[in-house]
Structures are given as C-alpha cells and as structure tokens.
Amino acid sequence: METHIDFTKGKIVGPLLKFVGPVMIALFLQAMYGAVDLMIVGQFARAADVSAVATGSQITFTLAGLISSLAMGMTILIGEYIGMGKPEEGGRVVGNGILLFTVIGVAVTGLIVPLSPQLASVMNAPKEAFWLTTGYVRICGLGTLVIIAYNLIGSIFRGLGDSRTPMVTVLIACLCNVAGDLLLVAAFGMGTIGAAIATVFAQLISVIISLFLIRRKPIPFHFGSESLRWEGRTVRRILRLGSPIALQDFLVGISFMVLLAIVNSLGVIYSAGVGVAEKVCGFIMLVPMAFMQSMSAFVAQNYGADKPGRAVQGLRSAIAVSFCFGLVMFFVSFFHGDILAAIFASDMEVVNAAAEYLKAYAIDCLLTCFLFCFIGFFNGIEYTRFVMIQGIAGAFLMRIPVAYIMSRQTPVSLFHIGLATPCSTLLQITMCFICFYYWRVHHCK
C-alpha cells in the first residue's frame, strides 16, 4: 500500500486528516511512552520517585525535543524536494543528516553523563529526590545516540509524506517500555532507576526493529553507502532550517524546566503534582501537536511546488478541526482534572495538586490549536527564525516572569502559577497573526 502522500494536488482536508491520523496516534503512543514511567512509578513507588521521574523526564524530554526539532531541517528539505519533483535529492539529505546527528549524539553524551548532578541541582530537585533524579538523567544520557536515532527515523519519513512508519516505531517503543517498567519497577521494585533503564532499552529495541522494517519499505530515492558522505552545503542547509526551531524548542523547554524548578522549591507534593499534570498535558495537547507536525510536511511540499494559496487553505482547515478538539479537551481538563491525574498517582495530595494546575492548562487548550498550526505553517515556509523568536518571547517575556510572580503570592496556587502558560501562548499567537499578515501581503497577491 502506498504510504507517501502528495499534498500539492487534489483535495486538502481528506489527505491532511489521513496524514494527521497516524501522527496523532504516534504522539499518543509517545505520550504513553513517557507517561508509563510515571504511571507505574506512581503506583508502585514513593512520592520521591514520582518527583525524580517527573524532573528527570523533563530534562530528557527537553533533550529529545531539541534533537527532534533540529531534525526538522531534514523534514523540511525532503518535503521541498518532493514538492519540486526531485525526490532523488532526498538520499543526500538523509546521509548527511545521519553523519551530522551522530557527531551531535557523541558530544551530548559526553556532556550529560558527567553533569547529571549539576542538572538535578539546577532543576532544584527536592532533597528527597535529588540522587534519584541524578540517576535517571545519567542513564538516559548514556542512551543519547539511541534517542537521536529514534527521533531521526520519524523526521525522515514525515518529510516523505509517510506518517505510518513513525507511528510503528513509537508503537514498538511504547510496548517495550510498558514491559520494561512492569518488570523493573513493579516486579523488581527498582523505582526511578528501573524506569530509566526501561526507557533507553525500549528505544533501542524500537530502533533495531524499525531499521529492519525500513529496509523492506519502498522509498522515492536511492540511499546507499555513497549517500553517507559529508557535504558542507547540505549540512549547512539542514542546520540553517533546523537550528532556529531547535533553539526555540530548547529555550522553551528550559522555560518549563525553570517553571518546574520554581514549583520544586515549594515542596515534594507540589513537584509531584505538576509532574503528573505535565504528563496529562502530553495527552490533552495531542491534536494541536499532530497538526503542527502535519502542517510542516503539508506546507513544505506546497512551498516547494510554489502553491502558497493552497498552503493557506491547509492552515485554515487545520485550525478549524483542531479547535473542535480543543473545546472537548478544555471541558475534560477543567472540570475533571482529578480523574485524569488519578491515572498517574495514588496519593490524593498529589492528585489534587495536579488537578489544580490542569485548570490553567485547560485554558491553553483553546489557544494552542491556533499557535501550533501557525508554527507548523511557518516551519514549512522556512520562517524558522520567526518561530524561534516568537517561542523565546513567549517563554522569557511571559511564562517565566508570570510563574515566578505567582509563586510569590500567599497562599500559593498552582492554578495561578499554571496561568503562565496560556499568557505565553496569547503573546505568541499575536506575533503569529502579525507575521502571517506580512507574509500574505508579500506572497499571496
């Protein structure tokens, strides 16, 4: 069955939803992948373990997001070549990407492993969970090359218009992680360390099996040993497109880490509560995140084919569908956050703290359907520097200052601290509308 989708002709909504479906399933499985650690630790270990996994996974999530965002440079390039009718150029992009990310992976591993205690300290990990957090980060740091390979596979195939293969790779990892957590955490009582080992091992198994499956899949370009040849021009293009996205996501991730550090200073219950809430948010933000990734591929192909009007039509359709889902997620998160939080923790103090924080995130559900679709659109038209600017502005002009100010109020309210996120999103949406108007004036005459 043909899995690659040509977005440059025919209907818009049907093919877009066909692509979004597997992306959303993959993101759901990815969220499950990260949530299983916290879910099983929350049921079979102490609050200190929950705090350690929440803090440690935020660090590793930021790292994985950085790699995935940098790889977006490959997704955009491959999508553009498909739109231009030059798929054979894809082999060169993939080969150079593999070499580039191997170098990055070795360098990151050499930094993360020895600096794990410092990272836990920067995150203001509670005293009871400090060394558990350090151990989690160190083990995941040793698996950096596996994390990179895992994210690279998805980036390459999304650029080809194939969202099913990344879904399969995530499914494999999720199943392996569940099995590993049940064995190491639930059965052997290894807590935080068992969760970290299961995480890396699951991704390793996923990469090995995925590489075997990929060898049997048809791709629209030749890829061989001759493709693994360093070409400065291609590497620079990947970095030029991917670096602003990666820097933006990294700094946004840092802003969430700062927010978590602020909460960590309030005590282990607040820390665990926000950690649980963040895992829930990984699910309630699935639809806008799926459309963000899908819009990048859709728009990149139409940008390469010189069809800006079609790209705008795709943006409008994506926002409309995403907003409908956003309304549902708002209602569930605002009025039933305690039920969602109880999935990940059995301590009622932690559940209540998470539910309070989720009320603020519920508001963000109504806003991210606009923001994430815009981000995917701007990535696709190579406005990656603007994506970086709006992300950094939201993080450091809104999210961190608002969270800090709210944390100084008496009594402390996690709902008020959580409002930092929708405040940030409002600023970013405003910037996106201004930039979109500017782009339309100059490109859609």
Protein backbone atom coordinates (compact mmCIF):
# COMPACT_ATOMS: atom_id res chain seq x y z
CA MET A 1 0.00 0.00 0.00
CA GLU A 2 1.29 3.48 -0.88
CA THR A 3 2.11 5.38 2.28
CA HIS A 4 3.60 8.57 0.81
CA ILE A 5 1.11 11.42 0.32
CA ASP A 6 1.38 14.15 -2.32
CA PHE A 7 -0.09 17.28 -0.69
CA THR A 8 0.31 19.51 -3.75
CA LYS A 9 -2.81 18.46 -5.66
CA GLY A 10 -6.36 17.26 -5.15
CA LYS A 11 -8.44 17.69 -2.01
CA ILE A 12 -6.94 19.23 1.11
CA VAL A 13 -8.87 18.10 4.17
CA GLY A 14 -9.02 14.38 3.32
CA PRO A 15 -5.28 13.82 2.68
CA LEU A 16 -4.39 16.12 5.57
CA LEU A 17 -6.55 14.14 8.01
CA LYS A 18 -5.19 10.90 6.55
CA PHE A 19 -1.70 12.12 7.41
CA VAL A 20 -2.71 13.59 10.78
CA GLY A 21 -4.27 10.33 11.99
CA PRO A 22 -1.06 8.29 12.22
CA VAL A 23 0.82 11.34 13.54
CA MET A 24 -1.73 11.71 16.35
CA ILE A 25 -1.56 8.00 17.15
CA ALA A 26 2.24 8.23 17.20
CA LEU A 27 2.09 11.22 19.53
CA PHE A 28 -0.41 9.40 21.74
CA LEU A 29 1.93 6.44 21.94
CA GLN A 30 4.85 8.81 22.55
CA ALA A 31 2.91 10.39 25.40
CA MET A 32 2.09 6.92 26.70
CA TYR A 33 5.75 6.06 26.41
CA GLY A 34 6.69 8.90 28.74
CA ALA A 35 3.62 8.54 30.92
CA VAL A 36 4.07 4.82 31.62
CA ASP A 37 7.20 5.55 33.67
CA LEU A 38 5.33 8.00 35.88
CA MET A 39 2.16 5.90 35.96
CA ILE A 40 3.87 2.73 37.17
CA VAL A 41 6.27 4.57 39.49
CA GLY A 42 3.29 6.48 40.91
CA GLN A 43 1.51 3.23 41.72
CA PHE A 44 4.47 1.15 42.95
CA ALA A 45 6.95 3.64 44.44
CA ARG A 46 7.21 6.69 46.71
CA ALA A 47 6.42 10.36 46.11
CA ALA A 48 10.18 10.97 45.91
CA ASP A 49 10.38 8.56 42.95
CA VAL A 50 7.46 10.33 41.26
CA SER A 51 9.22 13.67 41.71
CA ALA A 52 12.51 12.24 40.40
CA VAL A 53 10.92 10.74 37.28
CA ALA A 54 8.92 13.94 36.66
CA THR A 55 12.00 16.15 36.94
CA GLY A 56 14.38 13.76 35.17
CA SER A 57 11.98 13.09 32.31
CA GLN A 58 11.53 16.86 31.83
CA ILE A 59 15.29 17.11 31.27
CA THR A 60 15.39 14.17 28.86
CA PHE A 61 12.20 15.38 27.13
CA THR A 62 13.90 18.72 26.52
CA LEU A 63 16.90 16.89 25.04
CA ALA A 64 14.72 14.70 22.80
CA GLY A 65 12.74 17.76 21.71
CA LEU A 66 15.97 19.55 20.82
CA ILE A 67 17.09 16.67 18.61
CA SER A 68 13.66 16.26 17.00
CA SER A 69 13.45 20.00 16.29
CA LEU A 70 16.91 20.11 14.77
CA ALA A 71 15.94 17.15 12.58
CA MET A 72 13.01 19.25 11.33
CA GLY A 73 15.56 20.77 8.96
CA MET A 74 15.67 17.37 7.24
CA THR A 75 11.86 17.08 7.22
CA ILE A 76 11.50 20.47 5.53
CA LEU A 77 14.24 19.82 2.95
CA ILE A 78 12.90 16.40 1.99
CA GLY A 79 9.36 17.80 1.75
CA GLU A 80 10.53 20.63 -0.51
CA TYR A 81 12.37 18.24 -2.83
CA ILE A 82 9.25 16.07 -3.06
CA GLY A 83 7.21 19.18 -3.94
CA MET A 84 9.79 20.23 -6.56
CA GLY A 85 9.66 16.78 -8.15
CA LYS A 86 13.26 16.00 -7.13
CA PRO A 87 12.92 13.11 -4.66
CA GLU A 88 16.32 11.74 -5.64
CA GLU A 89 17.93 14.58 -3.68
CA GLY A 90 16.49 13.04 -0.50
CA GLY A 91 19.21 10.38 -0.27
CA ARG A 92 21.89 13.03 0.06
CA VAL A 93 19.92 14.87 2.73
CA VAL A 94 19.38 11.67 4.75
CA GLY A 95 23.04 10.62 4.51
CA ASN A 96 24.34 13.97 5.67
CA GLY A 97 21.74 14.08 8.42
CA ILE A 98 22.87 10.73 9.80
CA LEU A 99 26.51 11.86 9.91
CA LEU A 100 25.59 15.21 11.48
CA PHE A 101 23.45 13.71 14.24
CA THR A 102 25.99 11.03 15.05
CA VAL A 103 28.53 13.75 15.84
CA ILE A 104 25.94 15.64 17.89
CA GLY A 105 24.98 12.49 19.79
CA VAL A 106 28.54 11.71 20.86
CA ALA A 107 29.05 15.30 22.03
CA VAL A 108 25.78 15.41 24.01
CA THR A 109 26.54 12.09 25.72
CA GLY A 110 29.92 13.42 26.81
CA LEU A 111 28.19 16.38 28.48
CA ILE A 112 25.03 14.89 30.01
CA VAL A 113 26.57 11.92 31.84
CA PRO A 114 29.15 13.77 34.00
CA LEU A 115 26.89 16.80 34.52
CA SER A 116 23.83 14.89 35.77
CA PRO A 117 24.15 16.09 39.40
CA GLN A 118 24.52 19.68 38.24
CA LEU A 119 21.39 19.35 36.09
CA ALA A 120 19.42 17.96 39.03
CA SER A 121 20.69 20.84 41.15
CA VAL A 122 19.74 23.43 38.53
CA MET A 123 16.27 21.89 38.46
CA ASN A 124 16.10 22.43 42.21
CA ALA A 125 15.20 18.75 42.69
CA PRO A 126 13.82 18.20 46.21
CA LYS A 127 16.36 16.80 48.68
CA GLU A 128 14.49 13.50 48.99
CA ALA A 129 14.61 13.00 45.22
CA PHE A 130 17.98 14.56 44.31
CA TRP A 131 20.08 11.43 43.73
CA LEU A 132 17.18 9.57 42.18
CA THR A 133 16.84 12.40 39.66
CA THR A 134 20.58 12.32 39.01
CA GLY A 135 20.50 8.59 38.31
CA TYR A 136 17.56 8.91 35.91
CA VAL A 137 19.26 11.66 33.91
CA ARG A 138 22.60 9.83 33.81
CA ILE A 139 21.12 6.59 32.48
CA CYS A 140 19.08 8.40 29.83
CA GLY A 141 22.19 10.41 28.93
CA LEU A 142 24.04 7.18 28.17
CA GLY A 143 21.29 6.39 25.66
CA THR A 144 21.54 9.68 23.76
CA LEU A 145 22.57 8.05 20.45
CA VAL A 146 19.56 5.75 20.69
CA ILE A 147 17.25 8.71 21.39
CA ILE A 148 18.68 10.51 18.34
CA ALA A 149 18.21 7.52 16.02
CA TYR A 150 14.69 7.07 17.35
CA ASN A 151 13.72 10.68 16.51
CA LEU A 152 15.61 10.74 13.20
CA ILE A 153 13.55 7.91 11.74
CA GLY A 154 10.32 9.84 12.32
CA SER A 155 11.68 13.09 10.86
CA ILE A 156 12.82 11.45 7.64
CA PHE A 157 9.55 9.69 6.89
CA ARG A 158 7.32 12.64 7.79
CA GLY A 159 9.23 14.65 5.18
CA LEU A 160 8.32 11.95 2.63
CA GLY A 161 4.64 12.31 3.50
CA ASP A 162 4.69 8.97 5.34
CA SER A 163 3.29 9.22 8.87
CA ARG A 164 2.69 5.49 9.34
CA THR A 165 6.29 4.37 9.72
CA PRO A 166 6.97 6.79 12.63
CA MET A 167 3.75 5.50 14.21
CA VAL A 168 5.08 1.93 14.05
CA THR A 169 8.42 2.89 15.61
CA VAL A 170 6.68 4.62 18.52
CA LEU A 171 4.30 1.68 18.99
CA ILE A 172 7.24 -0.71 19.30
CA ALA A 173 8.98 1.57 21.82
CA CYS A 174 5.80 2.03 23.86
CA LEU A 175 5.13 -1.70 24.15
CA CYS A 176 8.74 -2.40 25.13
CA ASN A 177 8.67 0.40 27.71
CA VAL A 178 5.49 -0.93 29.31
CA ALA A 179 7.02 -4.39 29.57
CA GLY A 180 10.28 -2.98 30.96
CA ASP A 181 8.54 -0.83 33.57
CA LEU A 182 6.32 -3.66 34.74
CA LEU A 183 9.35 -5.91 35.12
CA LEU A 184 11.86 -3.49 36.65
CA VAL A 185 9.61 -1.13 38.64
CA ALA A 186 6.55 -3.19 39.57
CA ALA A 187 8.14 -6.65 39.89
CA PHE A 188 11.73 -5.89 40.96
CA GLY A 189 10.98 -2.63 42.84
CA MET A 190 13.79 -0.68 41.15
CA GLY A 191 11.79 2.60 41.16
CA THR A 192 13.34 5.54 39.33
CA ILE A 193 16.41 3.65 38.09
CA GLY A 194 14.27 0.85 36.68
CA ALA A 195 12.12 3.38 34.82
CA ALA A 196 15.21 4.98 33.26
CA ILE A 197 16.66 1.64 32.14
CA ALA A 198 13.31 0.62 30.63
CA THR A 199 13.13 3.91 28.72
CA VAL A 200 16.51 3.56 27.00
CA PHE A 201 16.15 -0.18 26.37
CA ALA A 202 12.72 0.30 24.76
CA GLN A 203 14.04 2.90 22.34
CA LEU A 204 17.00 0.67 21.44
CA ILE A 205 14.71 -2.25 20.58
CA SER A 206 12.46 0.11 18.61
CA VAL A 207 15.37 1.43 16.52
CA ILE A 208 16.67 -2.07 15.73
CA ILE A 209 13.27 -3.39 14.65
CA SER A 210 12.43 -0.19 12.77
CA LEU A 211 15.64 -0.33 10.74
CA PHE A 212 14.75 -3.87 9.72
CA LEU A 213 11.25 -2.77 8.66
CA ILE A 214 12.53 0.28 6.79
CA ARG A 215 14.86 -1.85 4.64
CA ARG A 216 11.77 -3.55 3.26
CA LYS A 217 9.83 -0.33 2.54
CA PRO A 218 9.93 1.44 -0.86
CA ILE A 219 11.26 4.99 -0.69
CA PRO A 220 11.25 7.54 -3.57
CA PHE A 221 15.04 7.89 -3.67
CA HIS A 222 18.16 5.74 -3.61
CA PHE A 223 20.05 5.52 -0.34
CA GLY A 224 23.35 3.64 -0.11
CA SER A 225 26.83 3.86 1.37
CA GLU A 226 27.70 6.59 -1.14
CA SER A 227 25.00 8.77 0.48
CA LEU A 228 26.99 8.80 3.74
CA ARG A 229 29.36 11.47 2.53
CA TRP A 230 29.77 14.78 4.34
CA GLU A 231 28.71 17.70 2.14
CA GLY A 232 29.12 21.08 3.79
CA ARG A 233 26.37 22.75 1.73
CA THR A 234 23.73 20.16 2.62
CA VAL A 235 24.72 20.10 6.30
CA ARG A 236 24.55 23.90 6.44
CA ARG A 237 21.04 23.87 4.93
CA ILE A 238 19.86 21.31 7.48
CA LEU A 239 21.33 23.41 10.29
CA ARG A 240 20.04 26.69 8.85
CA LEU A 241 16.48 25.38 8.83
CA GLY A 242 16.63 23.22 11.94
CA SER A 243 18.75 25.32 14.30
CA PRO A 244 16.22 28.14 14.90
CA ILE A 245 13.48 25.56 15.58
CA ALA A 246 15.79 23.61 17.88
CA LEU A 247 16.95 26.71 19.73
CA GLN A 248 13.36 27.85 20.18
CA ASP A 249 12.22 24.45 21.46
CA PHE A 250 15.29 24.16 23.68
CA LEU A 251 14.73 27.55 25.28
CA VAL A 252 11.00 26.89 25.63
CA GLY A 253 11.92 23.58 27.26
CA ILE A 254 14.29 25.48 29.54
CA SER A 255 11.44 27.82 30.47
CA PHE A 256 9.30 24.83 31.50
CA MET A 257 12.26 23.45 33.45
CA VAL A 258 12.58 26.81 35.22
CA LEU A 259 8.86 26.71 35.96
CA LEU A 260 9.26 23.21 37.39
CA ALA A 261 12.27 24.36 39.41
CA ILE A 262 10.12 27.17 40.86
CA VAL A 263 7.47 24.62 41.81
CA ASN A 264 10.10 22.20 43.19
CA SER A 265 11.13 24.86 45.70
CA LEU A 266 7.61 24.68 47.15
CA GLY A 267 7.96 21.02 48.22
CA VAL A 268 7.74 17.44 47.01
CA ILE A 269 3.89 17.35 46.76
CA TYR A 270 3.80 20.43 44.52
CA SER A 271 6.69 18.98 42.50
CA ALA A 272 4.99 15.61 42.04
CA GLY A 273 1.63 17.27 41.31
CA VAL A 274 3.00 19.42 38.49
CA GLY A 275 4.97 16.45 37.17
CA VAL A 276 1.77 14.42 36.96
CA ALA A 277 -0.09 17.35 35.35
CA GLU A 278 2.61 17.72 32.69
CA LYS A 279 2.18 14.07 31.77
CA VAL A 280 -1.58 14.60 31.43
CA CYS A 281 -0.86 17.64 29.26
CA GLY A 282 1.10 15.40 26.93
CA PHE A 283 -2.24 13.78 26.08
CA ILE A 284 -4.57 16.77 26.04
CA MET A 285 -2.26 18.58 23.60
CA LEU A 286 -2.11 15.65 21.15
CA VAL A 287 -4.34 17.11 18.45
CA PRO A 288 -2.67 20.53 18.08
CA MET A 289 0.76 18.86 18.22
CA ALA A 290 -0.29 16.42 15.48
CA PHE A 291 -1.46 19.27 13.27
CA MET A 292 1.77 21.18 13.91
CA GLN A 293 3.89 18.31 12.59
CA SER A 294 1.48 17.63 9.73
CA MET A 295 1.34 21.29 8.67
CA SER A 296 5.12 21.36 8.37
CA ALA A 297 5.04 18.50 5.86
CA PHE A 298 1.93 19.82 4.04
CA VAL A 299 3.21 23.37 3.70
CA ALA A 300 6.79 22.33 2.82
CA GLN A 301 5.53 20.35 -0.18
CA ASN A 302 3.30 23.21 -1.38
CA TYR A 303 6.04 25.75 -0.73
CA GLY A 304 8.39 23.68 -2.90
CA ALA A 305 5.68 23.47 -5.59
CA ASP A 306 5.10 27.28 -5.41
CA LYS A 307 1.47 26.98 -4.22
CA PRO A 308 1.17 29.48 -1.33
CA GLY A 309 -2.63 29.75 -1.65
CA ARG A 310 -3.04 26.03 -1.11
CA ALA A 311 -0.78 26.24 1.94
CA VAL A 312 -3.06 28.91 3.44
CA GLN A 313 -6.15 26.76 2.77
CA GLY A 314 -4.47 23.92 4.63
CA LEU A 315 -3.74 26.19 7.58
CA ARG A 316 -7.38 27.28 7.87
CA SER A 317 -8.63 23.70 7.71
CA ALA A 318 -6.14 22.55 10.34
CA ILE A 319 -7.10 25.33 12.77
CA ALA A 320 -10.83 24.61 12.37
CA VAL A 321 -10.53 20.88 13.08
CA SER A 322 -8.02 21.39 15.87
CA PHE A 323 -10.26 23.94 17.62
CA CYS A 324 -13.16 21.48 17.78
CA PHE A 325 -10.96 19.03 19.64
CA GLY A 326 -9.65 21.87 21.81
CA LEU A 327 -13.14 22.58 23.13
CA VAL A 328 -13.51 18.97 24.26
CA MET A 329 -10.11 18.93 25.92
CA PHE A 330 -10.90 22.19 27.73
CA PHE A 331 -14.05 20.75 29.28
CA VAL A 332 -12.39 17.49 30.36
CA SER A 333 -9.28 19.13 31.80
CA PHE A 334 -11.00 21.98 33.62
CA PHE A 335 -13.84 20.03 35.20
CA HIS A 336 -12.37 16.53 35.52
CA GLY A 337 -8.64 17.06 36.01
CA ASP A 338 -8.66 15.00 39.20
CA ILE A 339 -9.83 11.91 37.31
CA LEU A 340 -7.04 12.36 34.75
CA ALA A 341 -4.41 12.91 37.44
CA ALA A 342 -5.53 9.83 39.39
CA ILE A 343 -4.37 7.67 36.47
CA PHE A 344 -0.77 8.61 37.26
CA ALA A 345 -0.73 8.85 41.06
CA SER A 346 -2.46 7.27 44.03
CA ASP A 347 -1.51 9.93 46.63
CA MET A 348 -4.58 12.21 46.87
CA GLU A 349 -2.48 15.25 47.80
CA VAL A 350 -0.55 14.81 44.54
CA VAL A 351 -3.79 14.23 42.57
CA ASN A 352 -5.41 17.40 43.95
CA ALA A 353 -2.29 19.48 43.25
CA ALA A 354 -2.20 18.19 39.66
CA ALA A 355 -5.91 18.91 39.13
CA GLU A 356 -5.46 22.50 40.30
CA TYR A 357 -2.59 23.03 37.85
CA LEU A 358 -4.57 21.42 34.99
CA LYS A 359 -7.31 24.08 35.21
CA ALA A 360 -4.84 26.59 33.80
CA TYR A 361 -3.74 24.21 31.06
CA ALA A 362 -7.38 23.72 30.10
CA ILE A 363 -7.46 27.37 29.02
CA ASP A 364 -4.40 26.77 26.89
CA CYS A 365 -6.28 24.00 25.02
CA LEU A 366 -8.38 26.74 23.38
CA LEU A 367 -5.30 28.66 22.27
CA THR A 368 -2.79 26.07 21.10
CA CYS A 369 -5.00 24.98 18.18
CA PHE A 370 -4.08 28.36 16.63
CA LEU A 371 -0.47 28.54 17.81
CA PHE A 372 0.66 25.04 16.87
CA CYS A 373 -0.88 25.20 13.39
CA PHE A 374 0.83 28.55 12.81
CA ILE A 375 4.17 27.12 13.96
CA GLY A 376 3.82 24.19 11.54
CA PHE A 377 2.92 26.63 8.75
CA PHE A 378 5.90 28.90 9.39
CA ASN A 379 8.28 25.94 9.60
CA GLY A 380 7.03 24.77 6.22
CA ILE A 381 7.70 28.11 4.50
CA GLU A 382 11.20 28.28 6.06
CA TYR A 383 10.29 31.08 8.52
CA THR A 384 12.11 29.12 11.19
CA ARG A 385 13.84 32.19 12.60
CA PHE A 386 10.47 33.76 13.33
CA VAL A 387 9.36 30.51 15.01
CA MET A 388 12.41 30.83 17.22
CA ILE A 389 11.73 34.49 18.05
CA GLN A 390 8.06 34.01 18.98
CA GLY A 391 8.85 30.95 21.10
CA ILE A 392 11.61 32.69 23.03
CA ALA A 393 9.44 35.79 23.51
CA GLY A 394 6.60 33.75 24.96
CA ALA A 395 8.89 31.78 27.24
CA PHE A 396 11.00 34.57 28.68
CA LEU A 397 8.69 37.59 28.47
CA MET A 398 5.64 35.77 29.82
CA ARG A 399 5.93 32.21 31.07
CA ILE A 400 8.86 32.55 33.48
CA PRO A 401 8.01 36.04 34.87
CA VAL A 402 4.33 35.18 35.41
CA ALA A 403 5.17 31.83 37.05
CA TYR A 404 7.70 33.48 39.37
CA ILE A 405 5.35 36.30 40.37
CA MET A 406 2.51 33.86 41.05
CA SER A 407 4.77 31.59 43.11
CA ARG A 408 5.48 34.53 45.46
CA GLN A 409 1.79 35.06 46.22
CA THR A 410 0.25 33.86 49.50
CA PRO A 411 -1.35 31.38 49.63
CA VAL A 412 0.40 29.60 46.75
CA SER A 413 -1.95 28.48 43.98
CA LEU A 414 -0.84 26.04 41.28
CA PHE A 415 -3.71 27.33 39.13
CA HIS A 416 -2.25 30.83 39.22
CA ILE A 417 1.27 29.52 38.50
CA GLY A 418 -0.14 27.48 35.61
CA LEU A 419 -1.68 30.61 34.05
CA ALA A 420 1.84 31.47 32.92
CA THR A 421 1.39 29.05 30.00
CA PRO A 422 -1.80 30.49 28.40
CA CYS A 423 -0.40 34.01 28.95
CA SER A 424 2.66 32.98 26.95
CA THR A 425 0.50 31.41 24.21
CA LEU A 426 -1.56 34.60 23.82
CA LEU A 427 1.57 36.63 23.17
CA GLN A 428 2.85 34.09 20.65
CA ILE A 429 -0.47 33.95 18.78
CA THR A 430 -0.48 37.75 18.47
CA MET A 431 3.01 37.65 16.96
CA CYS A 432 1.98 34.84 14.58
CA PHE A 433 -1.03 36.78 13.24
CA ILE A 434 1.17 39.82 12.57
CA CYS A 435 3.80 37.72 10.76
CA PHE A 436 1.14 35.82 8.79
CA TYR A 437 -0.40 39.09 7.58
CA TYR A 438 3.04 40.32 6.50
CA TRP A 439 3.72 37.07 4.61
CA ARG A 440 0.35 37.10 2.83
CA VAL A 441 0.81 40.68 1.64
CA HIS A 442 4.13 39.75 0.02
CA HIS A 443 3.43 36.21 -1.23
CA CYS A 444 -0.32 35.83 -1.94
CA LYS A 445 -1.05 38.69 -4.30
